N, C-alpha and C. Protein backbone atom coordinates (compact mmCIF):
# COMPACT_ATOMS: atom_id res chain seq x y z
N MET A 1 -36.95 -20.92 -39.34
CA MET A 1 -35.68 -21.21 -38.97
C MET A 1 -34.73 -20.42 -39.77
N PHE A 2 -33.75 -19.88 -39.35
CA PHE A 2 -32.67 -18.85 -40.24
C PHE A 2 -31.66 -20.01 -40.79
N LEU A 3 -31.46 -20.00 -41.97
CA LEU A 3 -30.39 -20.97 -42.76
C LEU A 3 -29.42 -20.01 -43.46
N ARG A 4 -28.29 -19.91 -43.31
CA ARG A 4 -27.14 -19.17 -43.90
C ARG A 4 -26.31 -20.23 -44.51
N LEU A 5 -26.12 -20.12 -45.91
CA LEU A 5 -25.11 -21.10 -46.58
C LEU A 5 -24.15 -20.07 -47.40
N GLU A 6 -22.83 -20.70 -47.26
CA GLU A 6 -21.77 -20.27 -48.08
C GLU A 6 -20.75 -21.07 -48.64
N ALA A 7 -20.42 -20.89 -49.82
CA ALA A 7 -19.43 -21.91 -50.31
C ALA A 7 -18.06 -21.92 -49.62
N ARG A 8 -17.56 -23.02 -49.34
CA ARG A 8 -16.34 -23.00 -48.63
C ARG A 8 -15.14 -22.53 -49.59
N GLU A 9 -14.39 -21.68 -49.17
CA GLU A 9 -13.27 -21.22 -49.90
C GLU A 9 -12.25 -22.02 -50.16
N ALA A 10 -12.13 -23.43 -49.46
CA ALA A 10 -11.45 -24.53 -49.93
C ALA A 10 -11.40 -25.13 -51.30
N LEU A 11 -12.56 -24.76 -52.11
CA LEU A 11 -12.61 -25.27 -53.36
C LEU A 11 -11.85 -24.38 -54.35
N ILE A 12 -10.54 -24.56 -54.43
CA ILE A 12 -9.58 -23.86 -55.18
C ILE A 12 -9.19 -24.73 -56.38
N ASP A 13 -9.38 -26.08 -56.46
CA ASP A 13 -8.87 -26.82 -57.48
C ASP A 13 -10.00 -26.76 -58.82
N PRO A 14 -9.76 -26.42 -59.93
CA PRO A 14 -10.88 -25.98 -60.89
C PRO A 14 -11.76 -27.23 -61.12
N ASP A 15 -11.26 -28.46 -61.00
CA ASP A 15 -11.85 -29.66 -61.00
C ASP A 15 -12.98 -29.89 -60.04
N GLN A 16 -12.84 -29.28 -58.95
CA GLN A 16 -13.92 -29.53 -57.80
C GLN A 16 -14.87 -28.53 -57.93
N VAL A 17 -14.81 -27.40 -58.75
CA VAL A 17 -15.76 -26.45 -58.62
C VAL A 17 -17.06 -26.77 -59.25
N ALA A 18 -17.01 -27.43 -60.40
CA ALA A 18 -18.16 -27.87 -61.20
C ALA A 18 -18.89 -28.86 -60.74
N PRO A 19 -18.49 -29.85 -59.86
CA PRO A 19 -19.41 -30.71 -59.10
C PRO A 19 -19.70 -30.28 -58.13
N ALA A 20 -19.18 -29.14 -57.25
CA ALA A 20 -19.64 -28.45 -56.35
C ALA A 20 -20.98 -27.67 -56.59
N ARG A 21 -20.93 -27.19 -57.80
CA ARG A 21 -21.92 -26.06 -58.15
C ARG A 21 -23.25 -27.15 -58.46
N VAL A 22 -22.76 -28.38 -58.97
CA VAL A 22 -23.90 -29.09 -59.23
C VAL A 22 -24.80 -29.54 -58.02
N ARG A 23 -23.98 -29.99 -57.03
CA ARG A 23 -24.57 -30.33 -55.57
C ARG A 23 -25.00 -29.22 -55.08
N PHE A 24 -24.63 -28.06 -55.20
CA PHE A 24 -25.18 -26.73 -54.26
C PHE A 24 -26.42 -26.54 -54.90
N GLY A 25 -26.47 -26.50 -56.41
CA GLY A 25 -27.59 -26.34 -57.22
C GLY A 25 -28.97 -27.24 -56.90
N GLU A 26 -28.65 -28.50 -56.69
CA GLU A 26 -29.59 -29.41 -56.35
C GLU A 26 -29.98 -29.28 -54.94
N ALA A 27 -29.13 -28.80 -53.93
CA ALA A 27 -29.52 -28.41 -52.93
C ALA A 27 -30.44 -27.43 -52.70
N MET A 28 -30.28 -26.41 -53.36
CA MET A 28 -31.01 -25.07 -53.49
C MET A 28 -32.36 -25.53 -54.36
N GLY A 29 -32.33 -26.04 -55.39
CA GLY A 29 -33.61 -26.49 -55.65
C GLY A 29 -34.47 -27.45 -54.98
N LYS A 30 -33.93 -28.26 -54.00
CA LYS A 30 -34.83 -28.90 -53.01
C LYS A 30 -35.40 -27.89 -52.00
N ILE A 31 -34.49 -26.94 -51.79
CA ILE A 31 -35.02 -26.04 -50.68
C ILE A 31 -36.21 -25.16 -51.04
N VAL A 32 -35.80 -24.62 -52.38
CA VAL A 32 -36.87 -23.58 -52.94
C VAL A 32 -38.04 -24.61 -53.36
N GLY A 33 -38.06 -25.70 -53.73
CA GLY A 33 -39.08 -26.39 -54.16
C GLY A 33 -39.85 -27.02 -52.97
N SER A 34 -39.51 -26.92 -51.85
CA SER A 34 -40.09 -27.43 -50.55
C SER A 34 -41.32 -26.85 -50.42
N GLY A 35 -41.62 -25.50 -50.62
CA GLY A 35 -42.70 -24.73 -50.22
C GLY A 35 -42.37 -24.23 -48.80
N LYS A 36 -41.24 -24.17 -48.30
CA LYS A 36 -40.98 -24.02 -46.84
C LYS A 36 -40.23 -22.35 -46.95
N VAL A 37 -39.96 -22.19 -47.77
CA VAL A 37 -39.39 -20.54 -47.84
C VAL A 37 -40.03 -19.62 -47.71
N GLU A 38 -39.83 -18.58 -46.58
CA GLU A 38 -40.73 -17.58 -46.42
C GLU A 38 -40.03 -16.44 -46.67
N ALA A 39 -38.56 -16.42 -46.78
CA ALA A 39 -37.95 -15.39 -47.28
C ALA A 39 -36.47 -15.83 -47.79
N SER A 40 -35.92 -15.22 -48.68
CA SER A 40 -34.54 -15.73 -48.96
C SER A 40 -33.86 -14.38 -49.76
N GLY A 41 -32.43 -14.55 -49.78
CA GLY A 41 -31.62 -13.63 -50.56
C GLY A 41 -30.32 -14.16 -50.77
N VAL A 42 -29.50 -13.65 -51.91
CA VAL A 42 -28.31 -13.89 -52.16
C VAL A 42 -27.31 -12.94 -51.60
N PHE A 43 -26.16 -13.11 -50.90
CA PHE A 43 -25.19 -12.23 -50.79
C PHE A 43 -24.55 -11.63 -51.80
N ALA A 44 -24.60 -10.27 -51.92
CA ALA A 44 -23.92 -9.30 -53.04
C ALA A 44 -22.15 -9.50 -53.02
N ASP A 45 -21.82 -9.85 -51.73
CA ASP A 45 -20.20 -9.91 -51.56
C ASP A 45 -19.81 -10.97 -51.26
N ALA A 46 -20.33 -12.29 -51.51
CA ALA A 46 -20.07 -13.45 -51.08
C ALA A 46 -20.58 -14.69 -51.85
N ARG A 47 -20.20 -15.91 -51.72
CA ARG A 47 -20.85 -16.81 -52.61
C ARG A 47 -21.59 -17.69 -51.63
N GLY A 48 -22.89 -16.95 -51.32
CA GLY A 48 -23.88 -17.74 -50.58
C GLY A 48 -25.16 -16.91 -50.38
N GLY A 49 -25.87 -17.25 -49.42
CA GLY A 49 -26.86 -16.44 -49.03
C GLY A 49 -27.72 -17.12 -47.87
N ILE A 50 -29.02 -16.52 -47.78
CA ILE A 50 -29.85 -16.92 -46.42
C ILE A 50 -31.24 -17.26 -47.15
N PHE A 51 -31.89 -18.08 -45.97
CA PHE A 51 -33.14 -18.40 -46.26
C PHE A 51 -33.88 -18.35 -44.86
N ILE A 52 -35.02 -17.83 -44.72
CA ILE A 52 -35.96 -18.24 -43.56
C ILE A 52 -37.07 -19.36 -44.20
N LEU A 53 -36.89 -20.33 -43.29
CA LEU A 53 -37.70 -21.62 -43.51
C LEU A 53 -38.78 -21.91 -42.70
N ASP A 54 -39.75 -22.29 -42.70
CA ASP A 54 -40.99 -22.82 -42.09
C ASP A 54 -40.66 -24.21 -41.83
N VAL A 55 -40.07 -24.82 -41.02
CA VAL A 55 -39.73 -26.29 -40.89
C VAL A 55 -40.13 -26.57 -39.44
N ALA A 56 -40.57 -27.82 -39.56
CA ALA A 56 -41.20 -28.31 -38.06
C ALA A 56 -40.21 -28.39 -37.20
N ASP A 57 -38.68 -28.88 -37.43
CA ASP A 57 -37.59 -28.99 -36.44
C ASP A 57 -36.44 -29.18 -37.33
N GLU A 58 -35.30 -29.32 -36.11
CA GLU A 58 -33.99 -29.67 -37.00
C GLU A 58 -33.83 -30.69 -37.89
N MET A 59 -34.38 -31.90 -37.56
CA MET A 59 -34.15 -33.12 -38.36
C MET A 59 -34.97 -32.75 -39.89
N GLU A 60 -36.21 -31.93 -40.18
CA GLU A 60 -36.46 -31.60 -41.37
C GLU A 60 -35.47 -30.59 -42.05
N LEU A 61 -34.84 -29.60 -41.33
CA LEU A 61 -33.77 -28.94 -41.92
C LEU A 61 -32.72 -29.65 -42.41
N SER A 62 -32.25 -30.56 -41.64
CA SER A 62 -31.06 -31.57 -42.01
C SER A 62 -31.38 -32.22 -43.30
N GLY A 63 -32.73 -32.51 -43.67
CA GLY A 63 -32.66 -33.24 -44.87
C GLY A 63 -32.47 -32.36 -45.93
N TYR A 64 -32.68 -31.00 -45.94
CA TYR A 64 -32.29 -30.24 -46.89
C TYR A 64 -30.90 -29.71 -47.08
N VAL A 65 -30.09 -29.76 -46.12
CA VAL A 65 -28.61 -29.37 -45.98
C VAL A 65 -27.54 -30.47 -46.04
N PHE A 66 -28.05 -31.78 -45.62
CA PHE A 66 -27.21 -32.73 -45.33
C PHE A 66 -26.18 -33.15 -46.45
N GLY A 67 -26.66 -32.90 -47.70
CA GLY A 67 -25.78 -33.38 -48.83
C GLY A 67 -24.80 -32.21 -49.31
N ILE A 68 -24.76 -31.06 -48.70
CA ILE A 68 -24.02 -30.01 -48.92
C ILE A 68 -22.71 -29.75 -47.91
N LEU A 69 -22.83 -30.69 -47.00
CA LEU A 69 -22.21 -30.09 -45.93
C LEU A 69 -20.44 -30.05 -45.85
N ASP A 70 -20.21 -30.86 -46.84
CA ASP A 70 -18.78 -30.94 -47.27
C ASP A 70 -18.42 -29.88 -48.18
N ILE A 71 -19.27 -29.11 -48.74
CA ILE A 71 -18.99 -27.96 -49.80
C ILE A 71 -19.42 -26.67 -49.43
N ALA A 72 -20.04 -26.57 -48.25
CA ALA A 72 -20.69 -25.38 -47.86
C ALA A 72 -20.90 -25.16 -46.35
N THR A 73 -20.54 -23.86 -45.64
CA THR A 73 -20.62 -23.77 -44.42
C THR A 73 -22.19 -23.38 -44.16
N VAL A 74 -22.66 -24.08 -43.43
CA VAL A 74 -24.10 -23.85 -42.90
C VAL A 74 -24.43 -23.58 -41.47
N GLU A 75 -24.90 -22.61 -41.38
CA GLU A 75 -25.23 -21.75 -40.05
C GLU A 75 -26.66 -21.80 -40.03
N THR A 76 -27.19 -22.16 -38.79
CA THR A 76 -28.86 -22.20 -38.75
C THR A 76 -29.09 -21.41 -37.40
N HIS A 77 -30.23 -20.97 -37.16
CA HIS A 77 -30.58 -20.51 -35.95
C HIS A 77 -32.31 -20.62 -35.81
N PRO A 78 -32.72 -21.05 -34.72
CA PRO A 78 -34.12 -20.89 -34.63
C PRO A 78 -34.74 -19.63 -34.42
N LEU A 79 -35.65 -19.47 -35.01
CA LEU A 79 -36.43 -17.86 -34.77
C LEU A 79 -37.50 -17.87 -34.27
N ILE A 80 -37.91 -16.61 -33.59
CA ILE A 80 -39.35 -16.65 -33.04
C ILE A 80 -39.84 -15.37 -33.18
N THR A 81 -41.23 -15.17 -33.31
CA THR A 81 -41.59 -13.93 -33.77
C THR A 81 -41.51 -12.74 -32.76
N GLY A 82 -41.81 -11.71 -32.84
CA GLY A 82 -41.70 -10.33 -32.19
C GLY A 82 -42.87 -10.53 -31.03
N GLU A 83 -43.93 -11.04 -31.76
CA GLU A 83 -44.99 -11.20 -30.67
C GLU A 83 -44.67 -12.44 -29.51
N GLN A 84 -43.76 -13.45 -30.10
CA GLN A 84 -43.64 -14.50 -29.02
C GLN A 84 -42.82 -13.95 -28.12
N LEU A 85 -41.71 -13.09 -28.71
CA LEU A 85 -40.85 -12.52 -27.50
C LEU A 85 -41.57 -11.39 -26.54
N GLN A 86 -42.42 -10.86 -27.18
CA GLN A 86 -43.21 -10.06 -26.19
C GLN A 86 -43.80 -10.97 -25.09
N VAL A 87 -44.68 -11.91 -25.41
CA VAL A 87 -45.11 -12.85 -24.50
C VAL A 87 -44.13 -13.31 -23.33
N PHE A 88 -43.00 -13.59 -23.92
CA PHE A 88 -41.96 -14.35 -23.11
C PHE A 88 -41.32 -13.34 -22.06
N PHE A 89 -41.06 -12.08 -22.72
CA PHE A 89 -40.65 -10.89 -21.56
C PHE A 89 -41.88 -10.85 -20.44
N ALA A 90 -43.27 -10.72 -21.01
CA ALA A 90 -44.13 -10.49 -20.19
C ALA A 90 -44.27 -11.67 -18.80
N ALA A 91 -44.06 -12.65 -19.37
CA ALA A 91 -43.93 -14.03 -18.65
C ALA A 91 -42.57 -13.93 -17.47
N GLU A 92 -41.56 -13.47 -18.11
CA GLU A 92 -40.52 -13.41 -17.34
C GLU A 92 -40.61 -12.16 -16.16
N ALA A 93 -41.29 -11.14 -16.79
CA ALA A 93 -41.43 -10.05 -15.77
C ALA A 93 -42.36 -10.44 -14.68
N ALA A 94 -43.47 -10.95 -14.96
CA ALA A 94 -44.48 -11.55 -14.10
C ALA A 94 -43.95 -12.57 -13.04
N GLY A 95 -42.70 -13.21 -13.35
CA GLY A 95 -42.08 -13.99 -12.29
C GLY A 95 -42.55 -15.36 -12.35
């Protein structure tokens, strides 16, 4: 599963920033400590990053991001491998 997280720009009140960083850090710790991370990276030009996670389904993923939905933009996409895509196209071509 592809997971993109980015801090919401609406956090402009200085009193909101520190608690948001704590919550975001806790969520990142939960994700990184899960053993589900296959790849990750931090954006060089924004307050966020991406993860490729090996999760069973959307419900498992929700457990990692639910606590930060109010302070971060969360984008997810299911992923398939190149091999799976080749099988799909072969099956489609075969009719």
